[in-house]
C-alpha atoms as a PDB file:
ATOM      1  CA  MET A   1      -7.971  -8.773  -4.957  1.00  0.00           C
ATOM      2  CA  SER A   2      -5.330 -10.582  -3.147  1.00  0.00           C
ATOM      3  CA  ALA A   3      -3.213  -7.556  -2.320  1.00  0.00           C
ATOM      4  CA  THR A   4       0.437  -7.623  -1.554  1.00  0.00           C
ATOM      5  CA  THR A   5       3.258  -5.129  -0.952  1.00  0.00           C
ATOM      6  CA  LYS A   6       5.569  -5.550  -4.587  1.00  0.00           C
ATOM      7  CA  LEU A   7       4.201  -1.947  -5.344  1.00  0.00           C
ATOM      8  CA  GLN A   8       3.318  -0.437  -2.116  1.00  0.00           C
ATOM      9  CA  ASN A   9       3.791   3.323  -2.120  1.00  0.00           C
ATOM     10  CA  LYS A  10       3.988   3.796  -5.507  1.00  0.00           C
ATOM     11  CA  ILE A  11       2.350   5.891  -7.989  1.00  0.00           C
ATOM     12  CA  ALA A  12       1.354   4.607 -11.249  1.00  0.00           C
ATOM     13  CA  ILE A  13      -0.419   5.957 -14.358  1.00  0.00           C
ATOM     14  CA  VAL A  14      -2.122   3.558 -17.261  1.00  0.00           C
ATOM     15  CA  THR A  15      -3.204   5.270 -20.153  1.00  0.00           C
ATOM     16  CA  GLY A  16      -6.164   3.522 -21.880  1.00  0.00           C
ATOM     17  CA  GLY A  17      -7.017   1.615 -18.610  1.00  0.00           C
ATOM     18  CA  SER A  18     -10.761   1.370 -18.554  1.00  0.00           C
ATOM     19  CA  ARG A  19     -11.134  -2.007 -20.482  1.00  0.00           C
ATOM     20  CA  SER A  20      -9.493  -4.909 -22.050  1.00  0.00           C
ATOM     21  CA  ILE A  21      -5.657  -4.838 -21.619  1.00  0.00           C
ATOM     22  CA  GLY A  22      -5.490  -1.598 -19.663  1.00  0.00           C
ATOM     23  CA  ALA A  23      -8.100  -2.546 -17.076  1.00  0.00           C
ATOM     24  CA  ALA A  24      -6.139  -5.865 -16.628  1.00  0.00           C
ATOM     25  CA  ILE A  25      -2.976  -3.873 -15.881  1.00  0.00           C
ATOM     26  CA  VAL A  26      -4.894  -1.616 -13.683  1.00  0.00           C
ATOM     27  CA  ARG A  27      -6.333  -4.325 -11.466  1.00  0.00           C
ATOM     28  CA  ARG A  28      -2.746  -6.143 -11.072  1.00  0.00           C
ATOM     29  CA  LEU A  29      -0.754  -2.678 -10.300  1.00  0.00           C
ATOM     30  CA  ALA A  30      -3.744  -1.973  -7.608  1.00  0.00           C
ATOM     31  CA  ALA A  31      -3.387  -5.618  -6.439  1.00  0.00           C
ATOM     32  CA  GLU A  32       0.239  -5.169  -5.901  1.00  0.00           C
ATOM     33  CA  GLY A  33      -0.108  -2.090  -3.921  1.00  0.00           C
ATOM     34  CA  ALA A  34       0.150   0.803  -6.262  1.00  0.00           C
ATOM     35  CA  THR A  35      -2.292   3.728  -6.315  1.00  0.00           C
ATOM     36  CA  VAL A  36      -3.110   3.444  -9.943  1.00  0.00           C
ATOM     37  CA  ALA A  37      -4.441   6.331 -11.744  1.00  0.00           C
ATOM     38  CA  PHE A  38      -5.559   5.614 -15.421  1.00  0.00           C
ATOM     39  CA  THR A  39      -6.906   7.568 -18.440  1.00  0.00           C
ATOM     40  CA  TYR A  40     -10.353   6.548 -20.574  1.00  0.00           C
ATOM     41  CA  ASN A  41     -11.659   8.275 -23.285  1.00  0.00           C
ATOM     42  CA  ALA A  42     -15.343   7.067 -24.296  1.00  0.00           C
ATOM     43  CA  SER A  43     -15.986   4.768 -21.508  1.00  0.00           C
ATOM     44  CA  PRO A  44     -16.709   6.572 -18.338  1.00  0.00           C
ATOM     45  CA  GLU A  45     -19.114   3.662 -17.129  1.00  0.00           C
ATOM     46  CA  LYS A  46     -16.564   1.173 -17.494  1.00  0.00           C
ATOM     47  CA  ALA A  47     -13.979   3.415 -15.967  1.00  0.00           C
ATOM     48  CA  GLU A  48     -16.156   4.187 -12.734  1.00  0.00           C
ATOM     49  CA  ALA A  49     -16.861   0.402 -12.367  1.00  0.00           C
ATOM     50  CA  LEU A  50     -13.429  -0.393 -12.441  1.00  0.00           C
ATOM     51  CA  VAL A  51     -12.362   2.366  -9.756  1.00  0.00           C
ATOM     52  CA  SER A  52     -15.204   0.942  -7.714  1.00  0.00           C
ATOM     53  CA  GLU A  53     -14.155  -2.599  -8.006  1.00  0.00           C
ATOM     54  CA  ILE A  54     -10.743  -1.962  -7.048  1.00  0.00           C
ATOM     55  CA  GLN A  55     -11.685   0.183  -4.031  1.00  0.00           C
ATOM     56  CA  ALA A  56     -14.000  -2.383  -2.725  1.00  0.00           C
ATOM     57  CA  ALA A  57     -10.924  -4.876  -2.916  1.00  0.00           C
ATOM     58  CA  GLY A  58      -9.031  -2.598  -0.525  1.00  0.00           C
ATOM     59  CA  GLY A  59      -6.910  -0.705  -3.650  1.00  0.00           C
ATOM     60  CA  LYS A  60      -6.556   2.883  -4.721  1.00  0.00           C
ATOM     61  CA  ALA A  61      -7.656   3.989  -8.275  1.00  0.00           C
ATOM     62  CA  LEU A  62      -8.346   7.282  -9.939  1.00  0.00           C
ATOM     63  CA  ALA A  63      -9.998   7.535 -13.299  1.00  0.00           C
ATOM     64  CA  ILE A  64      -9.409  10.439 -15.408  1.00  0.00           C
ATOM     65  CA  GLN A  65     -11.117  11.265 -18.824  1.00  0.00           C
ATOM     66  CA  ALA A  66      -8.261  12.173 -21.175  1.00  0.00           C
ATOM     67  CA  ASP A  67      -8.107  11.504 -25.106  1.00  0.00           C
ATOM     68  CA  ALA A  68      -4.694   9.898 -25.662  1.00  0.00           C
ATOM     69  CA  GLY A  69      -4.500  11.431 -29.096  1.00  0.00           C
ATOM     70  CA  ASN A  70      -5.008  15.286 -27.616  1.00  0.00           C
ATOM     71  CA  PRO A  71      -1.613  16.163 -26.177  1.00  0.00           C
ATOM     72  CA  GLU A  72      -3.016  18.891 -23.907  1.00  0.00           C
ATOM     73  CA  ALA A  73      -5.192  16.402 -22.634  1.00  0.00           C
ATOM     74  CA  VAL A  74      -2.533  13.839 -21.644  1.00  0.00           C
ATOM     75  CA  ARG A  75      -0.480  16.699 -20.124  1.00  0.00           C
ATOM     76  CA  GLN A  76      -3.247  17.626 -18.065  1.00  0.00           C
ATOM     77  CA  ALA A  77      -4.068  13.987 -16.801  1.00  0.00           C
ATOM     78  CA  VAL A  78      -0.346  13.551 -15.692  1.00  0.00           C
ATOM     79  CA  ASN A  79      -0.085  16.570 -13.993  1.00  0.00           C
ATOM     80  CA  GLN A  80      -3.452  15.751 -12.208  1.00  0.00           C
ATOM     81  CA  VAL A  81      -1.769  12.777 -10.693  1.00  0.00           C
ATOM     82  CA  ALA A  82       1.342  14.350  -9.906  1.00  0.00           C
ATOM     83  CA  ALA A  83      -0.721  17.160  -8.099  1.00  0.00           C
ATOM     84  CA  SER A  84      -2.964  14.511  -6.221  1.00  0.00           C
ATOM     85  CA  PHE A  85      -0.383  12.146  -5.321  1.00  0.00           C
ATOM     86  CA  GLY A  86       3.334  14.115  -5.443  1.00  0.00           C
ATOM     87  CA  LYS A  87       5.086  11.947  -7.573  1.00  0.00           C
ATOM     88  CA  VAL A  88       4.892   9.419 -10.694  1.00  0.00           C
ATOM     89  CA  ASP A  89       6.579   6.404 -10.299  1.00  0.00           C
ATOM     90  CA  ILE A  90       5.301   3.874 -12.829  1.00  0.00           C
ATOM     91  CA  LEU A  91       4.134   5.008 -16.612  1.00  0.00           C
ATOM     92  CA  VAL A  92       2.320   2.469 -18.553  1.00  0.00           C
ATOM     93  CA  ASN A  93       1.684   3.569 -22.088  1.00  0.00           C
ATOM     94  CA  ASN A  94      -1.014   1.003 -23.021  1.00  0.00           C
ATOM     95  CA  ALA A  95      -3.576   3.487 -25.095  1.00  0.00           C
ATOM     96  CA  GLY A  96      -3.744   2.318 -28.287  1.00  0.00           C
ATOM     97  CA  ILE A  97      -6.061   2.272 -31.661  1.00  0.00           C
ATOM     98  CA  SER A  98      -5.982   0.158 -34.885  1.00  0.00           C
ATOM     99  CA  VAL A  99      -6.599   1.234 -38.218  1.00  0.00           C
ATOM    100  CA  LEU A 100      -6.534  -1.597 -40.641  1.00  0.00           C
ATOM    101  CA  GLY A 101      -6.638  -1.466 -44.702  1.00  0.00           C
ATOM    102  CA  GLN A 102      -4.402  -1.673 -47.599  1.00  0.00           C
ATOM    103  CA  PRO A 103      -1.859   1.045 -47.433  1.00  0.00           C
ATOM    104  CA  GLU A 104      -3.198   3.215 -50.455  1.00  0.00           C
ATOM    105  CA  GLN A 105      -6.843   2.743 -49.093  1.00  0.00           C
ATOM    106  CA  ILE A 106      -6.443   4.103 -45.663  1.00  0.00           C
ATOM    107  CA  ALA A 107      -7.606   7.829 -45.460  1.00  0.00           C
ATOM    108  CA  PHE A 108      -5.079  10.232 -44.217  1.00  0.00           C
ATOM    109  CA  THR A 109      -7.285  11.528 -41.315  1.00  0.00           C
ATOM    110  CA  ASP A 110      -7.318   7.821 -40.019  1.00  0.00           C
ATOM    111  CA  PHE A 111      -3.691   7.577 -40.156  1.00  0.00           C
ATOM    112  CA  GLU A 112      -3.197  10.949 -38.561  1.00  0.00           C
ATOM    113  CA  ARG A 113      -5.669   9.851 -35.847  1.00  0.00           C
ATOM    114  CA  ILE A 114      -3.591   6.302 -35.414  1.00  0.00           C
ATOM    115  CA  LEU A 115      -0.429   8.459 -34.985  1.00  0.00           C
ATOM    116  CA  ALA A 116      -1.753  10.940 -32.446  1.00  0.00           C
ATOM    117  CA  VAL A 117      -2.903   7.826 -30.297  1.00  0.00           C
ATOM    118  CA  ASN A 118      -0.153   5.539 -30.636  1.00  0.00           C
ATOM    119  CA  VAL A 119       2.758   7.798 -31.171  1.00  0.00           C
ATOM    120  CA  THR A 120       2.449  11.162 -30.233  1.00  0.00           C
ATOM    121  CA  GLY A 121       0.196  10.175 -27.135  1.00  0.00           C
ATOM    122  CA  VAL A 122       3.132   8.118 -25.726  1.00  0.00           C
ATOM    123  CA  PHE A 123       5.452  10.805 -26.337  1.00  0.00           C
ATOM    124  CA  VAL A 124       3.585  13.518 -24.585  1.00  0.00           C
ATOM    125  CA  ALA A 125       2.737  11.067 -21.555  1.00  0.00           C
ATOM    126  CA  THR A 126       6.258  10.233 -21.174  1.00  0.00           C
ATOM    127  CA  GLN A 127       7.819  13.797 -21.426  1.00  0.00           C
ATOM    128  CA  GLU A 128       5.304  14.950 -19.072  1.00  0.00           C
ATOM    129  CA  ALA A 129       5.611  11.917 -16.397  1.00  0.00           C
ATOM    130  CA  LEU A 130       9.323  12.603 -16.295  1.00  0.00           C
ATOM    131  CA  LYS A 131       8.816  15.864 -14.910  1.00  0.00           C
ATOM    132  CA  HIS A 132       7.390  13.790 -11.666  1.00  0.00           C
ATOM    133  CA  MET A 133       9.691  10.730 -11.756  1.00  0.00           C
ATOM    134  CA  GLY A 134      12.730  10.133  -9.745  1.00  0.00           C
ATOM    135  CA  THR A 135      15.266   7.167  -9.431  1.00  0.00           C
ATOM    136  CA  GLY A 136      13.360   4.098  -9.275  1.00  0.00           C
ATOM    137  CA  GLY A 137      11.089   5.050 -12.075  1.00  0.00           C
ATOM    138  CA  ARG A 138       9.471   2.770 -14.353  1.00  0.00           C
ATOM    139  CA  ILE A 139       8.262   3.521 -17.806  1.00  0.00           C
ATOM    140  CA  ILE A 140       6.701   0.392 -19.479  1.00  0.00           C
ATOM    141  CA  HIS A 141       5.203   0.842 -23.062  1.00  0.00           C
ATOM    142  CA  ILE A 142       2.890  -1.696 -24.938  1.00  0.00           C
ATOM    143  CA  GLY A 143       4.005  -2.684 -28.158  1.00  0.00           C
ATOM    144  CA  SER A 144       2.615  -5.409 -30.389  1.00  0.00           C
ATOM    145  CA  SER A 145       4.080  -9.001 -31.562  1.00  0.00           C
ATOM    146  CA  MET A 146       3.135  -7.179 -35.113  1.00  0.00           C
ATOM    147  CA  VAL A 147       6.397  -5.603 -34.765  1.00  0.00           C
ATOM    148  CA  GLN A 148       8.478  -8.818 -34.893  1.00  0.00           C
ATOM    149  CA  TYR A 149       6.190 -11.062 -37.105  1.00  0.00           C
ATOM    150  CA  ALA A 150       3.297  -9.249 -39.439  1.00  0.00           C
ATOM    151  CA  ALA A 151       0.838 -12.138 -39.121  1.00  0.00           C
ATOM    152  CA  PHE A 152      -1.725 -11.078 -41.662  1.00  0.00           C
ATOM    153  CA  GLY A 153      -2.161  -8.025 -44.471  1.00  0.00           C
ATOM    154  CA  THR A 154      -3.906  -4.688 -43.922  1.00  0.00           C
ATOM    155  CA  ALA A 155      -1.955  -3.814 -40.444  1.00  0.00           C
ATOM    156  CA  SER A 156       1.042  -1.734 -41.935  1.00  0.00           C
ATOM    157  CA  ALA A 157      -0.026   1.426 -40.282  1.00  0.00           C
ATOM    158  CA  TYR A 158      -0.614  -0.153 -37.017  1.00  0.00           C
ATOM    159  CA  THR A 159       2.762  -1.866 -37.383  1.00  0.00           C
ATOM    160  CA  LEU A 160       4.444   1.442 -38.065  1.00  0.00           C
ATOM    161  CA  THR A 161       3.572   2.996 -34.919  1.00  0.00           C
ATOM    162  CA  LYS A 162       4.332   0.182 -32.771  1.00  0.00           C
ATOM    163  CA  GLY A 163       7.804   0.202 -34.370  1.00  0.00           C
ATOM    164  CA  ALA A 164       7.933   3.735 -33.403  1.00  0.00           C
ATOM    165  CA  VAL A 165       7.120   2.794 -29.875  1.00  0.00           C
ATOM    166  CA  ALA A 166       9.812   0.034 -29.630  1.00  0.00           C
ATOM    167  CA  GLY A 167      12.516   2.642 -31.081  1.00  0.00           C
ATOM    168  CA  PHE A 168      11.793   5.483 -28.697  1.00  0.00           C
ATOM    169  CA  SER A 169      12.055   2.940 -26.121  1.00  0.00           C
ATOM    170  CA  ARG A 170      15.654   2.021 -26.997  1.00  0.00           C
ATOM    171  CA  GLY A 171      16.333   5.699 -27.227  1.00  0.00           C
ATOM    172  CA  LEU A 172      14.820   6.235 -23.641  1.00  0.00           C
ATOM    173  CA  VAL A 173      16.861   3.754 -22.248  1.00  0.00           C
ATOM    174  CA  ARG A 174      20.490   5.536 -22.704  1.00  0.00           C
ATOM    175  CA  ASP A 175      18.724   9.093 -21.789  1.00  0.00           C
ATOM    176  CA  LEU A 176      17.199   7.679 -18.438  1.00  0.00           C
ATOM    177  CA  GLY A 177      19.639   5.066 -17.258  1.00  0.00           C
ATOM    178  CA  PRO A 178      21.851   7.465 -15.720  1.00  0.00           C
ATOM    179  CA  ARG A 179      18.950   8.686 -13.761  1.00  0.00           C
ATOM    180  CA  GLY A 180      17.861   5.313 -12.404  1.00  0.00           C
ATOM    181  CA  ILE A 181      14.820   5.240 -14.412  1.00  0.00           C
ATOM    182  CA  THR A 182      14.048   1.856 -16.498  1.00  0.00           C
ATOM    183  CA  VAL A 183      12.147   1.491 -20.098  1.00  0.00           C
ATOM    184  CA  ASN A 184      10.809  -1.623 -21.422  1.00  0.00           C
ATOM    185  CA  THR A 185       8.443  -2.526 -24.172  1.00  0.00           C
ATOM    186  CA  VAL A 186       5.909  -5.550 -23.738  1.00  0.00           C
ATOM    187  CA  HIS A 187       4.676  -6.949 -27.315  1.00  0.00           C
ATOM    188  CA  PRO A 188       1.595  -8.549 -26.792  1.00  0.00           C
ATOM    189  CA  GLY A 189       0.664 -11.377 -29.157  1.00  0.00           C
ATOM    190  CA  PRO A 190      -2.783 -12.381 -30.107  1.00  0.00           C
ATOM    191  CA  THR A 191      -5.030 -11.178 -26.892  1.00  0.00           C
ATOM    192  CA  ASP A 192      -8.582 -11.171 -26.275  1.00  0.00           C
ATOM    193  CA  SER A 193      -9.507  -7.634 -26.166  1.00  0.00           C
ATOM    194  CA  ASP A 194     -12.030  -5.132 -27.657  1.00  0.00           C
ATOM    195  CA  MET A 195      -9.846  -4.847 -30.605  1.00  0.00           C
ATOM    196  CA  ASN A 196      -9.026  -8.456 -31.244  1.00  0.00           C
ATOM    197  CA  PRO A 197     -11.664 -10.371 -29.570  1.00  0.00           C
ATOM    198  CA  ALA A 198     -10.872 -14.313 -29.312  1.00  0.00           C
ATOM    199  CA  ASP A 199     -13.841 -14.901 -31.203  1.00  0.00           C
ATOM    200  CA  GLY A 200     -13.056 -12.252 -33.684  1.00  0.00           C
ATOM    201  CA  ALA A 201     -12.491 -12.772 -37.662  1.00  0.00           C
ATOM    202  CA  VAL A 202      -8.822 -12.627 -36.968  1.00  0.00           C
ATOM    203  CA  ALA A 203      -8.737 -15.172 -34.404  1.00  0.00           C
ATOM    204  CA  ASP A 204      -9.465 -18.151 -36.496  1.00  0.00           C
ATOM    205  CA  PHE A 205      -6.483 -17.364 -38.862  1.00  0.00           C
ATOM    206  CA  VAL A 206      -4.171 -16.601 -36.255  1.00  0.00           C
ATOM    207  CA  ARG A 207      -4.754 -19.076 -33.533  1.00  0.00           C
ATOM    208  CA  PRO A 208      -3.331 -22.270 -35.220  1.00  0.00           C
ATOM    209  CA  ASN A 209       0.089 -20.465 -34.820  1.00  0.00           C
ATOM    210  CA  ILE A 210       0.030 -20.206 -31.373  1.00  0.00           C
ATOM    211  CA  ALA A 211       2.276 -22.273 -29.766  1.00  0.00           C
ATOM    212  CA  VAL A 212       0.497 -22.869 -26.494  1.00  0.00           C
ATOM    213  CA  GLY A 213      -3.054 -22.942 -28.428  1.00  0.00           C
ATOM    214  CA  ARG A 214      -4.817 -20.088 -26.809  1.00  0.00           C
ATOM    215  CA  TYR A 215      -5.704 -16.615 -26.942  1.00  0.00           C
ATOM    216  CA  GLY A 216      -3.763 -14.379 -24.420  1.00  0.00           C
ATOM    217  CA  GLN A 217      -5.630 -12.995 -21.712  1.00  0.00           C
ATOM    218  CA  GLY A 218      -5.148  -9.573 -20.295  1.00  0.00           C
ATOM    219  CA  ALA A 219      -3.923 -10.927 -17.238  1.00  0.00           C
ATOM    220  CA  ASP A 220      -1.176 -12.516 -19.218  1.00  0.00           C
ATOM    221  CA  ILE A 221      -0.066  -8.959 -20.137  1.00  0.00           C
ATOM    222  CA  ALA A 222      -0.529  -7.636 -16.452  1.00  0.00           C
ATOM    223  CA  SER A 223       2.093 -10.134 -15.309  1.00  0.00           C
ATOM    224  CA  ALA A 224       4.727  -8.681 -17.455  1.00  0.00           C
ATOM    225  CA  VAL A 225       3.776  -5.175 -16.726  1.00  0.00           C
ATOM    226  CA  THR A 226       3.940  -5.886 -12.933  1.00  0.00           C
ATOM    227  CA  PHE A 227       7.268  -7.705 -13.227  1.00  0.00           C
ATOM    228  CA  LEU A 228       8.690  -4.814 -14.824  1.00  0.00           C
ATOM    229  CA  ALA A 229       7.351  -2.340 -12.853  1.00  0.00           C
ATOM    230  CA  SER A 230       8.816  -3.825  -9.735  1.00  0.00           C
ATOM    231  CA  ASP A 231      12.046  -3.703  -7.753  1.00  0.00           C
ATOM    232  CA  GLU A 232      12.841  -7.294  -8.927  1.00  0.00           C
ATOM    233  CA  ALA A 233      13.253  -5.805 -12.627  1.00  0.00           C
ATOM    234  CA  ALA A 234      15.782  -3.025 -11.406  1.00  0.00           C
ATOM    235  CA  PHE A 235      18.417  -4.519 -13.609  1.00  0.00           C
ATOM    236  CA  VAL A 236      16.129  -4.866 -16.661  1.00  0.00           C
ATOM    237  CA  THR A 237      15.758  -1.787 -19.103  1.00  0.00           C
ATOM    238  CA  GLY A 238      15.852  -1.882 -22.720  1.00  0.00           C
ATOM    239  CA  ALA A 239      14.127  -5.145 -22.980  1.00  0.00           C
ATOM    240  CA  GLU A 240      11.277  -6.068 -25.472  1.00  0.00           C
ATOM    241  CA  LEU A 241       9.207  -8.904 -23.706  1.00  0.00           C
ATOM    242  CA  LEU A 242       7.027 -10.832 -26.231  1.00  0.00           C
ATOM    243  CA  VAL A 243       4.267 -11.683 -24.620  1.00  0.00           C
ATOM    244  CA  ASP A 244       2.638 -14.094 -26.967  1.00  0.00           C
ATOM    245  CA  GLY A 245       2.397 -17.872 -26.526  1.00  0.00           C
ATOM    246  CA  GLY A 246       4.828 -18.402 -28.712  1.00  0.00           C
ATOM    247  CA  PHE A 247       3.277 -16.919 -31.733  1.00  0.00           C
ATOM    248  CA  THR A 248       6.405 -15.218 -33.213  1.00  0.00           C
ATOM    249  CA  ALA A 249       8.923 -18.390 -32.296  1.00  0.00           C
END
């Protein structure tokens, strides 16, 4: 971990940070000097391994078990971070799940679950973090390029939730700009992850449409998040940054 001081003395929260894109974001923020707390749901071994990895490299990390679809668990996690470190400077709403299927065939319980994690969880984490965030704060939502270009069928419920997140960001910009807090959305394109592996069923279909010819990596998304979290992005708010290798071009 080649640490810098870009985010020195910053306290960051990343939801869903134990694996895939979330873990890459946690690693990068820690490498830039932030103290990073992250939530996880069902992968304690990966969470603790990530904390150990970051600490071994000289960084600071804290793993908190919290189901992103459980509002009270999300509240408790954010308040634990604030109580432990005194503030919240950066919130990355990364936790998300996917439910695929023809719209008339999606079980309503599955729909309720994806709303709970992808929308309600984002709102609750933001609401709680703002109680501890001052001037210079950064809120970064992880959306999806599917909001711009629905590349295949069966993803309507997922795109609904990510579209809601993008709209929430735009509204927050007006609420929080006067308080010196920026709000931006990063829309990953096809990115190698547990949910969308580069060797998965969808990959062969979408890869020919990626202009750079490869799937994204978690580090690609983490780079964009780190920029938006830094002082260099102080005049960037309300942006929807597509990190998709030209997939939607």
